[in-house]
Amino acid sequence: VRPCYPISEASELGDDRVLIRGELGGKGAASGIEMFSSLSAVYT
């Protein structure tokens, strides 16, 4: 219904890289159920 990815951790790694950790999810458009999955990312 409305996607979200709240970030719980963000770390600068050097070499212009950032590591984040958060929960991807939201309220399901079809089911109406809220669900989140842990998701980490590395950005350059």
All heavy atoms as atom14 arrays in JSON, in Angstrom:
{
  "sequence": "VRPCYPISEASELGDDRVLIRGELGGKGAASGIEMFSSLSAVYT",
  "atom14_mask": [
    [1, 1, 1, 1, 1, 1, 1, 0, 0, 0, 0, 0, 0, 0],
    [1, 1, 1, 1, 1, 1, 1, 1, 1, 1, 1, 0, 0, 0],
    [1, 1, 1, 1, 1, 1, 1, 0, 0, 0, 0, 0, 0, 0],
    [1, 1, 1, 1, 1, 1, 0, 0, 0, 0, 0, 0, 0, 0],
    [1, 1, 1, 1, 1, 1, 1, 1, 1, 1, 1, 1, 0, 0],
    [1, 1, 1, 1, 1, 1, 1, 0, 0, 0, 0, 0, 0, 0],
    [1, 1, 1, 1, 1, 1, 1, 1, 0, 0, 0, 0, 0, 0],
    [1, 1, 1, 1, 1, 1, 0, 0, 0, 0, 0, 0, 0, 0],
    [1, 1, 1, 1, 1, 1, 1, 1, 1, 0, 0, 0, 0, 0],
    [1, 1, 1, 1, 1, 0, 0, 0, 0, 0, 0, 0, 0, 0],
    [1, 1, 1, 1, 1, 1, 0, 0, 0, 0, 0, 0, 0, 0],
    [1, 1, 1, 1, 1, 1, 1, 1, 1, 0, 0, 0, 0, 0],
    [1, 1, 1, 1, 1, 1, 1, 1, 0, 0, 0, 0, 0, 0],
    [1, 1, 1, 1, 0, 0, 0, 0, 0, 0, 0, 0, 0, 0],
    [1, 1, 1, 1, 1, 1, 1, 1, 0, 0, 0, 0, 0, 0],
    [1, 1, 1, 1, 1, 1, 1, 1, 0, 0, 0, 0, 0, 0],
    [1, 1, 1, 1, 1, 1, 1, 1, 1, 1, 1, 0, 0, 0],
    [1, 1, 1, 1, 1, 1, 1, 0, 0, 0, 0, 0, 0, 0],
    [1, 1, 1, 1, 1, 1, 1, 1, 0, 0, 0, 0, 0, 0],
    [1, 1, 1, 1, 1, 1, 1, 1, 0, 0, 0, 0, 0, 0],
    [1, 1, 1, 1, 1, 1, 1, 1, 1, 1, 1, 0, 0, 0],
    [1, 1, 1, 1, 0, 0, 0, 0, 0, 0, 0, 0, 0, 0],
    [1, 1, 1, 1, 1, 1, 1, 1, 1, 0, 0, 0, 0, 0],
    [1, 1, 1, 1, 1, 1, 1, 1, 0, 0, 0, 0, 0, 0],
    [1, 1, 1, 1, 0, 0, 0, 0, 0, 0, 0, 0, 0, 0],
    [1, 1, 1, 1, 0, 0, 0, 0, 0, 0, 0, 0, 0, 0],
    [1, 1, 1, 1, 1, 1, 1, 1, 1, 0, 0, 0, 0, 0],
    [1, 1, 1, 1, 0, 0, 0, 0, 0, 0, 0, 0, 0, 0],
    [1, 1, 1, 1, 1, 0, 0, 0, 0, 0, 0, 0, 0, 0],
    [1, 1, 1, 1, 1, 0, 0, 0, 0, 0, 0, 0, 0, 0],
    [1, 1, 1, 1, 1, 1, 0, 0, 0, 0, 0, 0, 0, 0],
    [1, 1, 1, 1, 0, 0, 0, 0, 0, 0, 0, 0, 0, 0],
    [1, 1, 1, 1, 1, 1, 1, 1, 0, 0, 0, 0, 0, 0],
    [1, 1, 1, 1, 1, 1, 1, 1, 1, 0, 0, 0, 0, 0],
    [1, 1, 1, 1, 1, 1, 1, 1, 0, 0, 0, 0, 0, 0],
    [1, 1, 1, 1, 1, 1, 1, 1, 1, 1, 1, 0, 0, 0],
    [1, 1, 1, 1, 1, 1, 0, 0, 0, 0, 0, 0, 0, 0],
    [1, 1, 1, 1, 1, 1, 0, 0, 0, 0, 0, 0, 0, 0],
    [1, 1, 1, 1, 1, 1, 1, 1, 0, 0, 0, 0, 0, 0],
    [1, 1, 1, 1, 1, 1, 0, 0, 0, 0, 0, 0, 0, 0],
    [1, 1, 1, 1, 1, 0, 0, 0, 0, 0, 0, 0, 0, 0],
    [1, 1, 1, 1, 1, 1, 1, 0, 0, 0, 0, 0, 0, 0],
    [1, 1, 1, 1, 1, 1, 1, 1, 1, 1, 1, 1, 0, 0],
    [1, 1, 1, 1, 1, 1, 1, 0, 0, 0, 0, 0, 0, 0]
  ],
  "atom14_positions": [
    [[0.86, -1.18, 0.0], [0.0, 0.0, 0.0], [0.9, 1.23, 0.0], [0.71, 2.16, -0.77], [-0.94, 0.01, 1.23], [-1.67, 1.34, 1.35], [-1.9, -1.16, 1.17], [0.0, 0.0, 0.0], [0.0, 0.0, 0.0], [0.0, 0.0, 0.0], [0.0, 0.0, 0.0], [0.0, 0.0, 0.0], [0.0, 0.0, 0.0], [0.0, 0.0, 0.0]],
    [[1.89, 1.21, 0.87], [2.91, 2.25, 0.92], [4.21, 1.56, 1.31], [4.36, 1.09, 2.44], [2.54, 3.31, 1.96], [3.57, 4.41, 2.02], [3.15, 5.5, 2.95], [4.23, 6.46, 3.04], [4.2, 7.52, 3.77], [3.11, 7.79, 4.48], [5.21, 8.34, 3.82], [0.0, 0.0, 0.0], [0.0, 0.0, 0.0], [0.0, 0.0, 0.0]],
    [[5.15, 1.45, 0.37], [6.39, 0.76, 0.68], [7.21, 1.52, 1.71], [7.1, 2.74, 1.82], [7.12, 0.73, -0.66], [6.63, 1.94, -1.36], [5.19, 2.1, -0.93], [0.0, 0.0, 0.0], [0.0, 0.0, 0.0], [0.0, 0.0, 0.0], [0.0, 0.0, 0.0], [0.0, 0.0, 0.0], [0.0, 0.0, 0.0], [0.0, 0.0, 0.0]],
    [[7.99, 0.79, 2.47], [8.9, 1.48, 3.38], [10.12, 0.61, 3.65], [10.08, -0.6, 3.51], [8.21, 1.9, 4.68], [7.62, 0.57, 5.7], [0.0, 0.0, 0.0], [0.0, 0.0, 0.0], [0.0, 0.0, 0.0], [0.0, 0.0, 0.0], [0.0, 0.0, 0.0], [0.0, 0.0, 0.0], [0.0, 0.0, 0.0], [0.0, 0.0, 0.0]],
    [[11.18, 1.3, 3.99], [12.43, 0.64, 4.32], [13.13, 1.46, 5.4], [14.05, 2.22, 5.13], [13.31, 0.52, 3.07], [14.62, -0.2, 3.31], [14.65, -1.46, 3.85], [15.83, 0.41, 2.99], [15.85, -2.12, 4.07], [17.03, -0.24, 3.2], [17.03, -1.51, 3.74], [18.22, -2.15, 3.96], [0.0, 0.0, 0.0], [0.0, 0.0, 0.0]],
    [[12.64, 1.33, 6.64], [13.3, 2.07, 7.72], [14.71, 1.53, 7.95], [14.91, 0.32, 8.07], [12.39, 1.84, 8.93], [11.54, 0.67, 8.59], [11.49, 0.57, 7.1], [0.0, 0.0, 0.0], [0.0, 0.0, 0.0], [0.0, 0.0, 0.0], [0.0, 0.0, 0.0], [0.0, 0.0, 0.0], [0.0, 0.0, 0.0], [0.0, 0.0, 0.0]],
    [[15.67, 2.42, 8.0], [17.08, 2.05, 8.21], [17.35, 1.98, 9.7], [17.09, 2.94, 10.43], [18.01, 3.08, 7.54], [17.79, 3.08, 6.03], [19.46, 2.8, 7.88], [18.53, 4.2, 5.31], [0.0, 0.0, 0.0], [0.0, 0.0, 0.0], [0.0, 0.0, 0.0], [0.0, 0.0, 0.0], [0.0, 0.0, 0.0], [0.0, 0.0, 0.0]],
    [[17.88, 0.83, 10.15], [18.23, 0.69, 11.56], [19.71, 0.94, 11.81], [20.09, 1.31, 12.92], [17.85, -0.71, 12.07], [18.47, -1.72, 11.3], [0.0, 0.0, 0.0], [0.0, 0.0, 0.0], [0.0, 0.0, 0.0], [0.0, 0.0, 0.0], [0.0, 0.0, 0.0], [0.0, 0.0, 0.0], [0.0, 0.0, 0.0], [0.0, 0.0, 0.0]],
    [[20.55, 0.74, 10.8], [21.99, 0.97, 10.93], [22.51, 1.55, 9.62], [22.1, 1.14, 8.56], [22.74, -0.34, 11.17], [22.41, -1.08, 12.43], [23.12, -2.42, 12.5], [24.26, -2.54, 12.02], [22.5, -3.36, 13.02], [0.0, 0.0, 0.0], [0.0, 0.0, 0.0], [0.0, 0.0, 0.0], [0.0, 0.0, 0.0], [0.0, 0.0, 0.0]],
    [[23.44, 2.48, 9.73], [24.11, 3.04, 8.55], [25.57, 3.29, 8.93], [25.83, 3.98, 9.92], [23.44, 4.32, 8.09], [0.0, 0.0, 0.0], [0.0, 0.0, 0.0], [0.0, 0.0, 0.0], [0.0, 0.0, 0.0], [0.0, 0.0, 0.0], [0.0, 0.0, 0.0], [0.0, 0.0, 0.0], [0.0, 0.0, 0.0], [0.0, 0.0, 0.0]],
    [[26.49, 2.72, 8.15], [27.91, 2.84, 8.45], [28.67, 3.26, 7.21], [28.5, 2.68, 6.14], [28.48, 1.51, 8.93], [27.76, 1.01, 10.01], [0.0, 0.0, 0.0], [0.0, 0.0, 0.0], [0.0, 0.0, 0.0], [0.0, 0.0, 0.0], [0.0, 0.0, 0.0], [0.0, 0.0, 0.0], [0.0, 0.0, 0.0], [0.0, 0.0, 0.0]],
    [[29.55, 4.23, 7.38], [30.45, 4.63, 6.32], [31.61, 3.64, 6.34], [32.17, 3.35, 7.39], [30.91, 6.07, 6.59], [31.73, 6.66, 5.48], [33.2, 6.3, 5.6], [33.72, 6.29, 6.72], [33.79, 6.02, 4.56], [0.0, 0.0, 0.0], [0.0, 0.0, 0.0], [0.0, 0.0, 0.0], [0.0, 0.0, 0.0], [0.0, 0.0, 0.0]],
    [[31.96, 3.1, 5.17], [32.98, 2.06, 5.09], [34.31, 2.56, 4.53], [35.26, 1.79, 4.45], [32.5, 0.9, 4.2], [31.23, 0.2, 4.66], [30.78, -0.8, 3.61], [31.45, -0.48, 6.0], [0.0, 0.0, 0.0], [0.0, 0.0, 0.0], [0.0, 0.0, 0.0], [0.0, 0.0, 0.0], [0.0, 0.0, 0.0], [0.0, 0.0, 0.0]],
    [[34.39, 3.79, 4.12], [35.57, 4.26, 3.41], [35.41, 3.93, 1.94], [34.47, 3.24, 1.54], [0.0, 0.0, 0.0], [0.0, 0.0, 0.0], [0.0, 0.0, 0.0], [0.0, 0.0, 0.0], [0.0, 0.0, 0.0], [0.0, 0.0, 0.0], [0.0, 0.0, 0.0], [0.0, 0.0, 0.0], [0.0, 0.0, 0.0], [0.0, 0.0, 0.0]],
    [[36.33, 4.41, 1.13], [36.26, 4.16, -0.32], [34.91, 4.56, -0.9], [34.41, 3.93, -1.83], [36.56, 2.7, -0.66], [37.95, 2.28, -0.25], [38.86, 3.13, -0.34], [38.13, 1.12, 0.16], [0.0, 0.0, 0.0], [0.0, 0.0, 0.0], [0.0, 0.0, 0.0], [0.0, 0.0, 0.0], [0.0, 0.0, 0.0], [0.0, 0.0, 0.0]],
    [[34.26, 5.58, -0.31], [32.95, 6.06, -0.77], [31.89, 4.96, -0.77], [31.04, 4.9, -1.66], [33.06, 6.71, -2.15], [33.81, 8.03, -2.08], [33.57, 8.77, -1.11], [34.62, 8.31, -2.97], [0.0, 0.0, 0.0], [0.0, 0.0, 0.0], [0.0, 0.0, 0.0], [0.0, 0.0, 0.0], [0.0, 0.0, 0.0], [0.0, 0.0, 0.0]],
    [[31.93, 4.09, 0.24], [30.93, 3.04, 0.37], [30.18, 3.2, 1.69], [30.74, 3.63, 2.69], [31.55, 1.64, 0.31], [32.14, 1.33, -1.04], [32.63, -0.1, -1.13], [33.5, -0.43, -0.01], [33.77, -1.67, 0.38], [33.25, -2.7, -0.25], [34.56, -1.9, 1.4], [0.0, 0.0, 0.0], [0.0, 0.0, 0.0], [0.0, 0.0, 0.0]],
    [[28.89, 2.83, 1.66], [28.02, 2.9, 2.82], [27.3, 1.57, 2.96], [26.77, 1.03, 1.97], [26.98, 4.04, 2.66], [25.98, 4.04, 3.81], [27.67, 5.39, 2.55], [0.0, 0.0, 0.0], [0.0, 0.0, 0.0], [0.0, 0.0, 0.0], [0.0, 0.0, 0.0], [0.0, 0.0, 0.0], [0.0, 0.0, 0.0], [0.0, 0.0, 0.0]],
    [[27.29, 1.02, 4.17], [26.56, -0.2, 4.48], [25.35, 0.18, 5.32], [25.48, 0.89, 6.31], [27.45, -1.18, 5.26], [26.77, -2.41, 5.87], [26.27, -3.35, 4.77], [27.74, -3.13, 6.8], [0.0, 0.0, 0.0], [0.0, 0.0, 0.0], [0.0, 0.0, 0.0], [0.0, 0.0, 0.0], [0.0, 0.0, 0.0], [0.0, 0.0, 0.0]],
    [[24.17, -0.29, 4.91], [22.97, -0.05, 5.7], [22.28, -1.36, 5.99], [22.47, -2.37, 5.3], [21.99, 0.92, 5.01], [21.45, 0.32, 3.71], [22.6, 2.28, 4.78], [20.24, 1.04, 3.18], [0.0, 0.0, 0.0], [0.0, 0.0, 0.0], [0.0, 0.0, 0.0], [0.0, 0.0, 0.0], [0.0, 0.0, 0.0], [0.0, 0.0, 0.0]],
    [[21.46, -1.3, 7.02], [20.64, -2.45, 7.4], [19.27, -1.89, 7.77], [19.18, -0.83, 8.4], [21.27, -3.14, 8.59], [20.59, -4.4, 9.02], [21.36, -5.01, 10.18], [21.01, -6.39, 10.35], [21.55, -7.19, 11.24], [22.51, -6.75, 12.03], [21.16, -8.44, 11.34], [0.0, 0.0, 0.0], [0.0, 0.0, 0.0], [0.0, 0.0, 0.0]],
    [[18.24, -2.59, 7.35], [16.89, -2.13, 7.66], [15.87, -3.21, 7.42], [16.21, -4.39, 7.24], [0.0, 0.0, 0.0], [0.0, 0.0, 0.0], [0.0, 0.0, 0.0], [0.0, 0.0, 0.0], [0.0, 0.0, 0.0], [0.0, 0.0, 0.0], [0.0, 0.0, 0.0], [0.0, 0.0, 0.0], [0.0, 0.0, 0.0], [0.0, 0.0, 0.0]],
    [[14.61, -2.81, 7.41], [13.49, -3.72, 7.2], [12.68, -3.24, 6.01], [12.14, -2.13, 6.03], [12.6, -3.76, 8.45], [13.3, -4.27, 9.69], [13.61, -5.75, 9.63], [12.77, -6.51, 9.14], [14.71, -6.14, 10.07], [0.0, 0.0, 0.0], [0.0, 0.0, 0.0], [0.0, 0.0, 0.0], [0.0, 0.0, 0.0], [0.0, 0.0, 0.0]],
    [[12.59, -4.06, 4.98], [11.83, -3.73, 3.77], [10.43, -4.32, 3.89], [10.28, -5.48, 4.24], [12.52, -4.3, 2.53], [11.78, -4.18, 1.22], [11.68, -2.72, 0.79], [12.46, -5.01, 0.14], [0.0, 0.0, 0.0], [0.0, 0.0, 0.0], [0.0, 0.0, 0.0], [0.0, 0.0, 0.0], [0.0, 0.0, 0.0], [0.0, 0.0, 0.0]],
    [[9.43, -3.53, 3.58], [8.08, -4.08, 3.59], [7.02, -3.01, 3.66], [7.17, -1.92, 3.13], [0.0, 0.0, 0.0], [0.0, 0.0, 0.0], [0.0, 0.0, 0.0], [0.0, 0.0, 0.0], [0.0, 0.0, 0.0], [0.0, 0.0, 0.0], [0.0, 0.0, 0.0], [0.0, 0.0, 0.0], [0.0, 0.0, 0.0], [0.0, 0.0, 0.0]],
    [[5.96, -3.35, 4.38], [4.83, -2.46, 4.51], [3.56, -3.26, 4.65], [3.58, -4.46, 4.95], [0.0, 0.0, 0.0], [0.0, 0.0, 0.0], [0.0, 0.0, 0.0], [0.0, 0.0, 0.0], [0.0, 0.0, 0.0], [0.0, 0.0, 0.0], [0.0, 0.0, 0.0], [0.0, 0.0, 0.0], [0.0, 0.0, 0.0], [0.0, 0.0, 0.0]],
    [[2.46, -2.61, 4.38], [1.16, -3.25, 4.42], [0.86, -3.78, 3.02], [0.91, -3.03, 2.04], [0.09, -2.24, 4.84], [-1.28, -2.81, 5.03], [-2.22, -1.74, 5.56], [-3.58, -2.3, 5.84], [-4.48, -1.26, 6.35], [0.0, 0.0, 0.0], [0.0, 0.0, 0.0], [0.0, 0.0, 0.0], [0.0, 0.0, 0.0], [0.0, 0.0, 0.0]],
    [[0.57, -5.05, 2.91], [0.32, -5.68, 1.62], [-0.89, -5.09, 0.92], [-1.94, -4.92, 1.54], [0.0, 0.0, 0.0], [0.0, 0.0, 0.0], [0.0, 0.0, 0.0], [0.0, 0.0, 0.0], [0.0, 0.0, 0.0], [0.0, 0.0, 0.0], [0.0, 0.0, 0.0], [0.0, 0.0, 0.0], [0.0, 0.0, 0.0], [0.0, 0.0, 0.0]],
    [[-0.73, -4.76, -0.36], [-1.83, -4.17, -1.12], [-2.99, -5.15, -1.27], [-4.15, -4.76, -1.22], [-1.34, -3.71, -2.49], [0.0, 0.0, 0.0], [0.0, 0.0, 0.0], [0.0, 0.0, 0.0], [0.0, 0.0, 0.0], [0.0, 0.0, 0.0], [0.0, 0.0, 0.0], [0.0, 0.0, 0.0], [0.0, 0.0, 0.0], [0.0, 0.0, 0.0]],
    [[-2.69, -6.42, -1.45], [-3.75, -7.42, -1.65], [-4.25, -7.99, -0.33], [-5.44, -8.17, -0.14], [-3.24, -8.54, -2.55], [0.0, 0.0, 0.0], [0.0, 0.0, 0.0], [0.0, 0.0, 0.0], [0.0, 0.0, 0.0], [0.0, 0.0, 0.0], [0.0, 0.0, 0.0], [0.0, 0.0, 0.0], [0.0, 0.0, 0.0], [0.0, 0.0, 0.0]],
    [[-3.33, -8.27, 0.59], [-3.7, -8.95, 1.84], [-4.06, -8.02, 2.97], [-4.79, -8.41, 3.89], [-2.54, -9.84, 2.3], [-1.45, -9.03, 2.72], [0.0, 0.0, 0.0], [0.0, 0.0, 0.0], [0.0, 0.0, 0.0], [0.0, 0.0, 0.0], [0.0, 0.0, 0.0], [0.0, 0.0, 0.0], [0.0, 0.0, 0.0], [0.0, 0.0, 0.0]],
    [[-3.51, -6.81, 2.97], [-3.71, -5.9, 4.08], [-2.87, -6.25, 5.3], [-2.97, -5.62, 6.34], [0.0, 0.0, 0.0], [0.0, 0.0, 0.0], [0.0, 0.0, 0.0], [0.0, 0.0, 0.0], [0.0, 0.0, 0.0], [0.0, 0.0, 0.0], [0.0, 0.0, 0.0], [0.0, 0.0, 0.0], [0.0, 0.0, 0.0], [0.0, 0.0, 0.0]],
    [[-2.01, -7.24, 5.15], [-1.15, -7.69, 6.26], [0.18, -6.96, 6.2], [0.77, -6.83, 5.13], [-0.91, -9.22, 6.16], [-2.23, -9.96, 6.29], [0.1, -9.68, 7.21], [-2.12, -11.45, 5.99], [0.0, 0.0, 0.0], [0.0, 0.0, 0.0], [0.0, 0.0, 0.0], [0.0, 0.0, 0.0], [0.0, 0.0, 0.0], [0.0, 0.0, 0.0]],
    [[0.65, -6.49, 7.36], [1.96, -5.87, 7.43], [3.03, -6.95, 7.51], [2.89, -7.91, 8.28], [2.08, -4.96, 8.65], [1.63, -3.57, 8.37], [2.13, -2.57, 9.41], [2.81, -2.96, 10.37], [1.82, -1.41, 9.23], [0.0, 0.0, 0.0], [0.0, 0.0, 0.0], [0.0, 0.0, 0.0], [0.0, 0.0, 0.0], [0.0, 0.0, 0.0]],
    [[4.06, -6.77, 6.7], [5.15, -7.74, 6.68], [6.44, -7.02, 6.35], [6.46, -6.13, 5.5], [4.88, -8.83, 5.64], [5.93, -9.9, 5.63], [5.52, -11.4, 4.72], [4.87, -10.81, 3.21], [0.0, 0.0, 0.0], [0.0, 0.0, 0.0], [0.0, 0.0, 0.0], [0.0, 0.0, 0.0], [0.0, 0.0, 0.0], [0.0, 0.0, 0.0]],
    [[7.51, -7.42, 7.01], [8.83, -6.83, 6.79], [9.87, -7.93, 6.72], [9.73, -8.96, 7.38], [9.19, -5.85, 7.91], [8.35, -4.62, 7.91], [7.14, -4.57, 8.59], [8.76, -3.5, 7.2], [6.36, -3.44, 8.57], [7.98, -2.36, 7.19], [6.78, -2.32, 7.87], [0.0, 0.0, 0.0], [0.0, 0.0, 0.0], [0.0, 0.0, 0.0]],
    [[10.9, -7.7, 5.91], [12.03, -8.6, 5.79], [13.31, -7.81, 5.99], [13.43, -6.69, 5.48], [12.08, -9.25, 4.4], [10.96, -10.05, 4.19], [0.0, 0.0, 0.0], [0.0, 0.0, 0.0], [0.0, 0.0, 0.0], [0.0, 0.0, 0.0], [0.0, 0.0, 0.0], [0.0, 0.0, 0.0], [0.0, 0.0, 0.0], [0.0, 0.0, 0.0]],
    [[14.24, -8.4, 6.69], [15.54, -7.76, 6.88], [16.24, -7.63, 5.53], [16.26, -8.58, 4.75], [16.38, -8.6, 7.85], [17.63, -8.02, 8.03], [0.0, 0.0, 0.0], [0.0, 0.0, 0.0], [0.0, 0.0, 0.0], [0.0, 0.0, 0.0], [0.0, 0.0, 0.0], [0.0, 0.0, 0.0], [0.0, 0.0, 0.0], [0.0, 0.0, 0.0]],
    [[16.79, -6.46, 5.27], [17.49, -6.22, 4.01], [18.67, -5.3, 4.28], [18.52, -4.24, 4.89], [16.57, -5.58, 2.98], [17.18, -5.3, 1.6], [17.57, -6.6, 0.9], [16.22, -4.51, 0.74], [0.0, 0.0, 0.0], [0.0, 0.0, 0.0], [0.0, 0.0, 0.0], [0.0, 0.0, 0.0], [0.0, 0.0, 0.0], [0.0, 0.0, 0.0]],
    [[19.85, -5.74, 3.86], [21.06, -4.93, 3.97], [21.48, -4.52, 2.57], [21.17, -5.19, 1.59], [22.17, -5.73, 4.63], [21.81, -6.08, 5.95], [0.0, 0.0, 0.0], [0.0, 0.0, 0.0], [0.0, 0.0, 0.0], [0.0, 0.0, 0.0], [0.0, 0.0, 0.0], [0.0, 0.0, 0.0], [0.0, 0.0, 0.0], [0.0, 0.0, 0.0]],
    [[22.21, -3.41, 2.49], [22.67, -2.92, 1.2], [24.04, -2.28, 1.35], [24.35, -1.69, 2.38], [21.68, -1.92, 0.63], [0.0, 0.0, 0.0], [0.0, 0.0, 0.0], [0.0, 0.0, 0.0], [0.0, 0.0, 0.0], [0.0, 0.0, 0.0], [0.0, 0.0, 0.0], [0.0, 0.0, 0.0], [0.0, 0.0, 0.0], [0.0, 0.0, 0.0]],
    [[24.81, -2.4, 0.29], [26.1, -1.72, 0.19], [26.0, -0.77, -1.0], [25.69, -1.2, -2.12], [27.26, -2.72, -0.04], [28.58, -1.97, -0.18], [27.31, -3.74, 1.09], [0.0, 0.0, 0.0], [0.0, 0.0, 0.0], [0.0, 0.0, 0.0], [0.0, 0.0, 0.0], [0.0, 0.0, 0.0], [0.0, 0.0, 0.0], [0.0, 0.0, 0.0]],
    [[26.21, 0.51, -0.73], [26.17, 1.54, -1.76], [27.57, 2.07, -2.0], [28.31, 2.32, -1.06], [25.26, 2.69, -1.35], [23.81, 2.33, -1.28], [23.22, 1.97, -0.08], [23.03, 2.36, -2.42], [21.88, 1.63, -0.02], [21.69, 2.02, -2.38], [21.13, 1.66, -1.18], [19.8, 1.33, -1.13], [0.0, 0.0, 0.0], [0.0, 0.0, 0.0]],
    [[27.89, 2.28, -3.27], [29.12, 2.97, -3.65], [28.7, 4.3, -4.26], [27.75, 4.33, -5.06], [29.92, 2.14, -4.68], [30.2, 0.85, -4.12], [31.22, 2.83, -5.05], [0.0, 0.0, 0.0], [0.0, 0.0, 0.0], [0.0, 0.0, 0.0], [0.0, 0.0, 0.0], [0.0, 0.0, 0.0], [0.0, 0.0, 0.0], [0.0, 0.0, 0.0]]
  ]
}
